[in-house]
C-alpha atoms as a PDB file:
ATOM      1  CA  MET A   1      13.608 -17.123 -15.306  1.00  0.00           C
ATOM      2  CA  SER A   2      16.368 -17.046 -12.678  1.00  0.00           C
ATOM      3  CA  GLU A   3      16.269 -19.197  -9.540  1.00  0.00           C
ATOM      4  CA  ARG A   4      15.621 -16.099  -7.425  1.00  0.00           C
ATOM      5  CA  GLU A   5      12.753 -14.983  -9.658  1.00  0.00           C
ATOM      6  CA  GLN A   6      11.296 -18.512  -9.558  1.00  0.00           C
ATOM      7  CA  ALA A   7      11.512 -18.562  -5.756  1.00  0.00           C
ATOM      8  CA  GLY A   8       9.826 -15.166  -5.634  1.00  0.00           C
ATOM      9  CA  TRP A   9       6.930 -16.318  -7.760  1.00  0.00           C
ATOM     10  CA  GLU A  10       6.520 -19.490  -5.705  1.00  0.00           C
ATOM     11  CA  HIS A  11       6.398 -17.394  -2.520  1.00  0.00           C
ATOM     12  CA  ALA A  12       3.835 -15.037  -4.082  1.00  0.00           C
ATOM     13  CA  PHE A  13       1.722 -17.997  -5.181  1.00  0.00           C
ATOM     14  CA  ARG A  14       1.674 -19.353  -1.628  1.00  0.00           C
ATOM     15  CA  LEU A  15       0.577 -15.950  -0.344  1.00  0.00           C
ATOM     16  CA  LEU A  16      -2.098 -15.556  -2.996  1.00  0.00           C
ATOM     17  CA  ASP A  17      -3.371 -19.127  -2.549  1.00  0.00           C
ATOM     18  CA  PRO A  18      -2.708 -19.948   1.099  1.00  0.00           C
ATOM     19  CA  GLY A  19      -4.704 -23.172   1.094  1.00  0.00           C
ATOM     20  CA  PRO A  20      -6.907 -24.524   3.901  1.00  0.00           C
ATOM     21  CA  ALA A  21      -4.482 -23.488   6.671  1.00  0.00           C
ATOM     22  CA  GLY A  22      -4.124 -19.849   5.626  1.00  0.00           C
ATOM     23  CA  PRO A  23      -6.610 -16.992   5.915  1.00  0.00           C
ATOM     24  CA  ALA A  24      -8.883 -16.161   3.000  1.00  0.00           C
ATOM     25  CA  MET A  25     -10.151 -12.647   2.446  1.00  0.00           C
ATOM     26  CA  PRO A  26     -13.885 -12.453   3.232  1.00  0.00           C
ATOM     27  CA  GLU A  27     -15.896 -12.154   0.046  1.00  0.00           C
ATOM     28  CA  GLY A  28     -17.840  -9.115   1.283  1.00  0.00           C
ATOM     29  CA  ALA A  29     -14.690  -7.065   1.855  1.00  0.00           C
ATOM     30  CA  ARG A  30     -13.194  -8.382  -1.369  1.00  0.00           C
ATOM     31  CA  GLU A  31     -16.235  -7.197  -3.329  1.00  0.00           C
ATOM     32  CA  VAL A  32     -16.022  -3.738  -1.736  1.00  0.00           C
ATOM     33  CA  ALA A  33     -12.352  -3.556  -2.733  1.00  0.00           C
ATOM     34  CA  ARG A  34     -13.181  -4.571  -6.298  1.00  0.00           C
ATOM     35  CA  ARG A  35     -15.691  -1.736  -6.639  1.00  0.00           C
ATOM     36  CA  ALA A  36     -13.689   0.952  -4.865  1.00  0.00           C
ATOM     37  CA  ARG A  37     -11.976   3.661  -6.891  1.00  0.00           C
ATOM     38  CA  GLY A  38      -8.277   3.047  -7.252  1.00  0.00           C
ATOM     39  CA  PHE A  39      -5.474   1.705  -9.401  1.00  0.00           C
ATOM     40  CA  LEU A  40      -4.580  -1.551  -7.642  1.00  0.00           C
ATOM     41  CA  SER A  41      -5.390  -4.848  -9.362  1.00  0.00           C
ATOM     42  CA  GLU A  42      -7.091  -7.647  -7.469  1.00  0.00           C
ATOM     43  CA  ALA A  43      -3.973  -9.852  -7.669  1.00  0.00           C
ATOM     44  CA  GLU A  44      -1.907  -7.046  -6.152  1.00  0.00           C
ATOM     45  CA  GLY A  45      -4.545  -6.433  -3.499  1.00  0.00           C
ATOM     46  CA  LEU A  46      -4.767 -10.081  -2.474  1.00  0.00           C
ATOM     47  CA  LEU A  47      -1.008 -10.202  -2.082  1.00  0.00           C
ATOM     48  CA  LEU A  48      -1.212  -7.194   0.265  1.00  0.00           C
ATOM     49  CA  PHE A  49      -3.988  -8.932   2.195  1.00  0.00           C
ATOM     50  CA  SER A  50      -1.881 -12.061   2.691  1.00  0.00           C
ATOM     51  CA  LEU A  51       1.211 -10.106   3.677  1.00  0.00           C
ATOM     52  CA  ALA A  52      -0.752  -8.045   6.216  1.00  0.00           C
ATOM     53  CA  ALA A  53      -2.404 -11.176   7.624  1.00  0.00           C
ATOM     54  CA  GLU A  54       1.047 -12.650   8.198  1.00  0.00           C
ATOM     55  CA  ALA A  55       2.924  -9.536   9.326  1.00  0.00           C
ATOM     56  CA  SER A  56       0.433  -7.604  11.443  1.00  0.00           C
ATOM     57  CA  ALA A  57       0.458 -10.241  14.174  1.00  0.00           C
ATOM     58  CA  ARG A  58       3.889  -8.798  15.084  1.00  0.00           C
ATOM     59  CA  ALA A  59       3.402  -5.027  14.736  1.00  0.00           C
ATOM     60  CA  PRO A  60       1.106  -2.498  13.006  1.00  0.00           C
ATOM     61  CA  CYS A  61       1.064  -1.949   9.259  1.00  0.00           C
ATOM     62  CA  LEU A  62       1.113   1.404   7.462  1.00  0.00           C
ATOM     63  CA  GLU A  63       0.091   2.566   4.018  1.00  0.00           C
ATOM     64  CA  VAL A  64       1.082   5.789   2.277  1.00  0.00           C
ATOM     65  CA  GLY A  65      -1.543   6.873  -0.239  1.00  0.00           C
ATOM     66  CA  SER A  66      -5.027   5.656   0.690  1.00  0.00           C
ATOM     67  CA  TYR A  67      -6.976   7.561  -2.016  1.00  0.00           C
ATOM     68  CA  CYS A  68     -10.535   6.155  -1.807  1.00  0.00           C
ATOM     69  CA  GLY A  69      -9.681   3.070   0.221  1.00  0.00           C
ATOM     70  CA  LYS A  70      -9.139   0.232  -2.266  1.00  0.00           C
ATOM     71  CA  SER A  71      -5.708  -0.779  -0.957  1.00  0.00           C
ATOM     72  CA  THR A  72      -6.834   0.070   2.580  1.00  0.00           C
ATOM     73  CA  VAL A  73      -9.523  -2.616   2.457  1.00  0.00           C
ATOM     74  CA  TYR A  74      -7.069  -5.328   1.412  1.00  0.00           C
ATOM     75  CA  LEU A  75      -4.541  -4.366   4.082  1.00  0.00           C
ATOM     76  CA  ALA A  76      -7.072  -3.804   6.867  1.00  0.00           C
ATOM     77  CA  ALA A  77      -8.810  -7.097   6.094  1.00  0.00           C
ATOM     78  CA  GLY A  78      -5.421  -8.770   6.548  1.00  0.00           C
ATOM     79  CA  CYS A  79      -4.952  -6.992   9.880  1.00  0.00           C
ATOM     80  CA  ARG A  80      -8.403  -8.142  10.974  1.00  0.00           C
ATOM     81  CA  ALA A  81      -7.579 -11.722   9.956  1.00  0.00           C
ATOM     82  CA  ALA A  82      -4.496 -11.626  12.208  1.00  0.00           C
ATOM     83  CA  GLY A  83      -6.563 -10.027  14.973  1.00  0.00           C
ATOM     84  CA  ALA A  84      -3.715  -8.144  16.634  1.00  0.00           C
ATOM     85  CA  ASN A  85      -2.611  -4.767  15.237  1.00  0.00           C
ATOM     86  CA  PRO A  86      -4.274  -2.077  13.094  1.00  0.00           C
ATOM     87  CA  LEU A  87      -3.380  -0.325   9.865  1.00  0.00           C
ATOM     88  CA  PHE A  88      -2.263   3.307   9.856  1.00  0.00           C
ATOM     89  CA  ALA A  89      -3.602   4.890   6.638  1.00  0.00           C
ATOM     90  CA  VAL A  90      -1.734   8.085   5.708  1.00  0.00           C
ATOM     91  CA  ASP A  91      -3.037  10.468   3.057  1.00  0.00           C
ATOM     92  CA  HIS A  92      -3.611  14.215   2.846  1.00  0.00           C
ATOM     93  CA  HIS A  93      -6.744  13.357   0.800  1.00  0.00           C
ATOM     94  CA  GLY A  94      -6.278  16.294  -1.551  1.00  0.00           C
ATOM     95  CA  GLY A  95      -5.408  14.122  -4.531  1.00  0.00           C
ATOM     96  CA  SER A  96      -2.103  13.851  -6.370  1.00  0.00           C
ATOM     97  CA  PRO A  97      -1.071  16.387  -9.061  1.00  0.00           C
ATOM     98  CA  GLU A  98      -2.301  14.151 -11.894  1.00  0.00           C
ATOM     99  CA  GLN A  99      -5.771  13.946 -10.247  1.00  0.00           C
ATOM    100  CA  GLN A 100      -6.394  17.685 -10.199  1.00  0.00           C
ATOM    101  CA  PRO A 101      -8.868  19.410 -12.591  1.00  0.00           C
ATOM    102  CA  GLY A 102      -7.618  19.344 -16.145  1.00  0.00           C
ATOM    103  CA  GLN A 103      -5.152  16.519 -15.488  1.00  0.00           C
ATOM    104  CA  PRO A 104      -5.277  12.975 -16.970  1.00  0.00           C
ATOM    105  CA  TYR A 105      -6.595  11.176 -13.866  1.00  0.00           C
ATOM    106  CA  HIS A 106      -9.080  13.786 -12.660  1.00  0.00           C
ATOM    107  CA  ASP A 107     -12.396  12.359 -11.435  1.00  0.00           C
ATOM    108  CA  PRO A 108     -15.046  15.124 -11.323  1.00  0.00           C
ATOM    109  CA  GLU A 109     -17.018  13.213  -8.669  1.00  0.00           C
ATOM    110  CA  LEU A 110     -14.125  13.706  -6.244  1.00  0.00           C
ATOM    111  CA  PHE A 111     -14.026  17.481  -6.662  1.00  0.00           C
ATOM    112  CA  ASP A 112     -15.543  19.249  -3.648  1.00  0.00           C
ATOM    113  CA  PRO A 113     -17.117  22.551  -4.782  1.00  0.00           C
ATOM    114  CA  ARG A 114     -17.206  23.859  -1.203  1.00  0.00           C
ATOM    115  CA  LEU A 115     -13.484  23.362  -0.773  1.00  0.00           C
ATOM    116  CA  GLN A 116     -12.714  24.061  -4.441  1.00  0.00           C
ATOM    117  CA  ARG A 117     -10.351  21.105  -4.550  1.00  0.00           C
ATOM    118  CA  VAL A 118     -10.228  17.337  -4.826  1.00  0.00           C
ATOM    119  CA  SER A 119     -11.240  15.653  -1.560  1.00  0.00           C
ATOM    120  CA  THR A 120     -11.083  11.871  -1.188  1.00  0.00           C
ATOM    121  CA  PHE A 121     -11.635  11.532   2.561  1.00  0.00           C
ATOM    122  CA  GLY A 122     -15.429  11.111   2.315  1.00  0.00           C
ATOM    123  CA  PRO A 123     -15.232   8.277  -0.246  1.00  0.00           C
ATOM    124  CA  PHE A 124     -12.390   6.724   1.776  1.00  0.00           C
ATOM    125  CA  GLN A 125     -14.550   6.659   4.919  1.00  0.00           C
ATOM    126  CA  ALA A 126     -17.512   5.276   2.969  1.00  0.00           C
ATOM    127  CA  THR A 127     -15.395   2.432   1.574  1.00  0.00           C
ATOM    128  CA  LEU A 128     -14.186   1.402   5.029  1.00  0.00           C
ATOM    129  CA  ARG A 129     -17.694   1.635   6.465  1.00  0.00           C
ATOM    130  CA  GLU A 130     -19.116  -0.569   3.713  1.00  0.00           C
ATOM    131  CA  ALA A 131     -16.353  -3.131   4.240  1.00  0.00           C
ATOM    132  CA  GLY A 132     -16.883  -3.125   8.012  1.00  0.00           C
ATOM    133  CA  LEU A 133     -13.232  -2.293   8.645  1.00  0.00           C
ATOM    134  CA  GLU A 134     -13.384   1.066  10.432  1.00  0.00           C
ATOM    135  CA  ASP A 135     -12.171  -0.466  13.707  1.00  0.00           C
ATOM    136  CA  TRP A 136      -9.017  -1.780  12.004  1.00  0.00           C
ATOM    137  CA  VAL A 137      -7.863   1.468  10.394  1.00  0.00           C
ATOM    138  CA  ILE A 138      -6.363   4.573  11.979  1.00  0.00           C
ATOM    139  CA  PRO A 139      -6.626   7.327   9.343  1.00  0.00           C
ATOM    140  CA  VAL A 140      -3.951  10.022   9.507  1.00  0.00           C
ATOM    141  CA  VAL A 141      -4.829  13.034   7.366  1.00  0.00           C
ATOM    142  CA  THR A 142      -1.488  14.657   6.668  1.00  0.00           C
ATOM    143  CA  THR A 143       1.460  14.271   4.332  1.00  0.00           C
ATOM    144  CA  SER A 144       3.647  11.205   4.608  1.00  0.00           C
ATOM    145  CA  ALA A 145       6.775  13.338   5.052  1.00  0.00           C
ATOM    146  CA  ARG A 146       5.277  15.280   7.931  1.00  0.00           C
ATOM    147  CA  LEU A 147       4.091  12.171   9.740  1.00  0.00           C
ATOM    148  CA  SER A 148       7.405  10.332   9.328  1.00  0.00           C
ATOM    149  CA  ARG A 149       9.267  13.289  10.858  1.00  0.00           C
ATOM    150  CA  HIS A 150       7.091  13.077  13.989  1.00  0.00           C
ATOM    151  CA  TRP A 151       6.567   9.294  14.139  1.00  0.00           C
ATOM    152  CA  PRO A 152       7.009   8.186  17.767  1.00  0.00           C
ATOM    153  CA  GLY A 153       9.408   5.302  17.123  1.00  0.00           C
ATOM    154  CA  LEU A 154       6.839   2.513  16.774  1.00  0.00           C
ATOM    155  CA  GLN A 155       8.185  -0.198  14.480  1.00  0.00           C
ATOM    156  CA  LEU A 156       6.108  -1.520  11.595  1.00  0.00           C
ATOM    157  CA  SER A 157       5.611  -5.017  10.268  1.00  0.00           C
ATOM    158  CA  LEU A 158       4.684  -3.727   6.794  1.00  0.00           C
ATOM    159  CA  ALA A 159       4.848  -0.410   4.956  1.00  0.00           C
ATOM    160  CA  PHE A 160       3.001  -0.009   1.650  1.00  0.00           C
ATOM    161  CA  ILE A 161       4.147   3.017  -0.380  1.00  0.00           C
ATOM    162  CA  ASP A 162       1.803   4.316  -3.063  1.00  0.00           C
ATOM    163  CA  GLY A 163       1.745   8.080  -2.542  1.00  0.00           C
ATOM    164  CA  GLY A 164       2.992  10.844  -4.820  1.00  0.00           C
ATOM    165  CA  HIS A 165       5.073   9.515  -7.714  1.00  0.00           C
ATOM    166  CA  SER A 166       7.518  12.395  -8.178  1.00  0.00           C
ATOM    167  CA  GLU A 167      11.186  11.735  -7.424  1.00  0.00           C
ATOM    168  CA  GLU A 168      10.969  13.975  -4.369  1.00  0.00           C
ATOM    169  CA  ASP A 169       7.816  12.344  -2.978  1.00  0.00           C
ATOM    170  CA  VAL A 170       8.938   8.767  -3.507  1.00  0.00           C
ATOM    171  CA  ARG A 171      12.381   9.368  -2.064  1.00  0.00           C
ATOM    172  CA  ALA A 172      10.868  11.061   1.005  1.00  0.00           C
ATOM    173  CA  ASP A 173       8.433   8.170   1.503  1.00  0.00           C
ATOM    174  CA  VAL A 174      11.144   5.515   1.253  1.00  0.00           C
ATOM    175  CA  GLU A 175      13.599   7.415   3.461  1.00  0.00           C
ATOM    176  CA  GLY A 176      10.836   8.175   5.971  1.00  0.00           C
ATOM    177  CA  TRP A 177       9.348   4.682   6.309  1.00  0.00           C
ATOM    178  CA  ALA A 178      11.869   2.033   5.265  1.00  0.00           C
ATOM    179  CA  PRO A 179      13.858   2.541   8.505  1.00  0.00           C
ATOM    180  CA  ARG A 180      10.654   1.970  10.511  1.00  0.00           C
ATOM    181  CA  VAL A 181      10.158  -1.577   9.193  1.00  0.00           C
ATOM    182  CA  ALA A 182      11.240  -4.182  11.734  1.00  0.00           C
ATOM    183  CA  GLY A 183      13.398  -7.182  10.913  1.00  0.00           C
ATOM    184  CA  GLY A 184      11.396  -9.737   8.958  1.00  0.00           C
ATOM    185  CA  GLY A 185       8.886  -7.045   7.957  1.00  0.00           C
ATOM    186  CA  TYR A 186       7.877  -6.019   4.461  1.00  0.00           C
ATOM    187  CA  LEU A 187       8.258  -2.899   2.366  1.00  0.00           C
ATOM    188  CA  CYS A 188       5.815  -2.897  -0.558  1.00  0.00           C
ATOM    189  CA  MET A 189       5.836  -0.413  -3.446  1.00  0.00           C
ATOM    190  CA  HIS A 190       3.258   0.059  -6.171  1.00  0.00           C
ATOM    191  CA  ASP A 191       3.547   1.240  -9.779  1.00  0.00           C
ATOM    192  CA  LEU A 192       6.947  -0.237 -10.561  1.00  0.00           C
ATOM    193  CA  PHE A 193       7.589   0.075 -14.296  1.00  0.00           C
ATOM    194  CA  SER A 194      10.981  -0.923 -15.636  1.00  0.00           C
ATOM    195  CA  ASP A 195       9.911   0.333 -19.087  1.00  0.00           C
ATOM    196  CA  PRO A 196       9.569   4.165 -19.182  1.00  0.00           C
ATOM    197  CA  ALA A 197       6.991   3.814 -21.963  1.00  0.00           C
ATOM    198  CA  LYS A 198       4.608   2.113 -19.509  1.00  0.00           C
ATOM    199  CA  GLY A 199       4.838   4.439 -16.518  1.00  0.00           C
ATOM    200  CA  GLY A 200       6.799   6.859 -14.382  1.00  0.00           C
ATOM    201  CA  GLN A 201      10.221   5.788 -13.191  1.00  0.00           C
ATOM    202  CA  ALA A 202      10.522   7.317  -9.710  1.00  0.00           C
ATOM    203  CA  PRO A 203       8.984   4.373  -7.788  1.00  0.00           C
ATOM    204  CA  TYR A 204      11.004   1.856  -9.819  1.00  0.00           C
ATOM    205  CA  ARG A 205      14.298   3.648  -9.247  1.00  0.00           C
ATOM    206  CA  SER A 206      13.717   4.014  -5.511  1.00  0.00           C
ATOM    207  CA  PHE A 207      12.701   0.364  -5.198  1.00  0.00           C
ATOM    208  CA  GLU A 208      15.780  -0.798  -7.095  1.00  0.00           C
ATOM    209  CA  ARG A 209      18.102   1.300  -4.930  1.00  0.00           C
ATOM    210  CA  LEU A 210      16.622  -0.239  -1.809  1.00  0.00           C
ATOM    211  CA  ARG A 211      16.640  -3.753  -3.285  1.00  0.00           C
ATOM    212  CA  ARG A 212      20.385  -3.521  -3.907  1.00  0.00           C
ATOM    213  CA  SER A 213      21.112  -2.358  -0.360  1.00  0.00           C
ATOM    214  CA  PRO A 214      22.445  -4.946   2.119  1.00  0.00           C
ATOM    215  CA  GLY A 215      19.566  -4.739   4.606  1.00  0.00           C
ATOM    216  CA  TRP A 216      16.857  -6.007   2.261  1.00  0.00           C
ATOM    217  CA  GLU A 217      15.988  -9.095   0.258  1.00  0.00           C
ATOM    218  CA  HIS A 218      13.733  -9.195  -2.772  1.00  0.00           C
ATOM    219  CA  VAL A 219      10.649 -11.365  -2.247  1.00  0.00           C
ATOM    220  CA  THR A 220       8.704 -10.969  -5.471  1.00  0.00           C
ATOM    221  CA  GLN A 221       6.943  -8.627  -7.861  1.00  0.00           C
ATOM    222  CA  VAL A 222       3.337  -9.241  -8.892  1.00  0.00           C
ATOM    223  CA  GLU A 223       2.301  -7.019 -11.779  1.00  0.00           C
ATOM    224  CA  THR A 224       3.506  -3.576 -10.628  1.00  0.00           C
ATOM    225  CA  LEU A 225       3.667  -4.392  -6.890  1.00  0.00           C
ATOM    226  CA  GLY A 226       7.178  -5.081  -5.581  1.00  0.00           C
ATOM    227  CA  ILE A 227       7.899  -6.673  -2.198  1.00  0.00           C
ATOM    228  CA  LEU A 228      11.076  -6.455  -0.125  1.00  0.00           C
ATOM    229  CA  ARG A 229      11.714  -8.081   3.258  1.00  0.00           C
ATOM    230  CA  ARG A 230      14.031  -6.573   5.856  1.00  0.00           C
ATOM    231  CA  ARG A 231      16.811  -8.996   6.792  1.00  0.00           C
END
């Protein structure tokens, strides 16, 4: 393991285990996050919680791709721990292509027969309500690309990108939100697989391009969650 990788893991360990001086995620919210539908591991979620608890004291956080609220609970609980700024949760709530009927990740319970399409907004709201975090989340029901085009200039302390995984979607998310992250803030990306046999490559390629750019430093990667900090 290189010195930089070792430093990254030590930083992640401090965030995941902040000790008596750092905030701990309330067990009630943590249990809701465990049970919520989604594809984020608990280790990844707790890292997001710690990052949001640190960063959101300076400016709001934003997530792209809320689905049913698993990642939202971790991030919003961090915002609540800081007690200053909320989380903007951006999702069109129509499901990604791989979650549509007949596709590998389709969940029949999320198909709305009235709308004749996948609809995740109801389960998302229910997750936040159960976790007691509705006051710390501002849901924005639209596409990430549309919102970033009309974003009013507010800087972010953290942006978590976990939306559509096509090359086009990931590139649009990174280009739309990376410039909004303030100095010292974090850009977090999920589903980073260096091995094509384990997962799609679009998030990994976009993350690596940004990591090699001069304005960012690599903090760590925990499982498939990568963290960059703006210089």
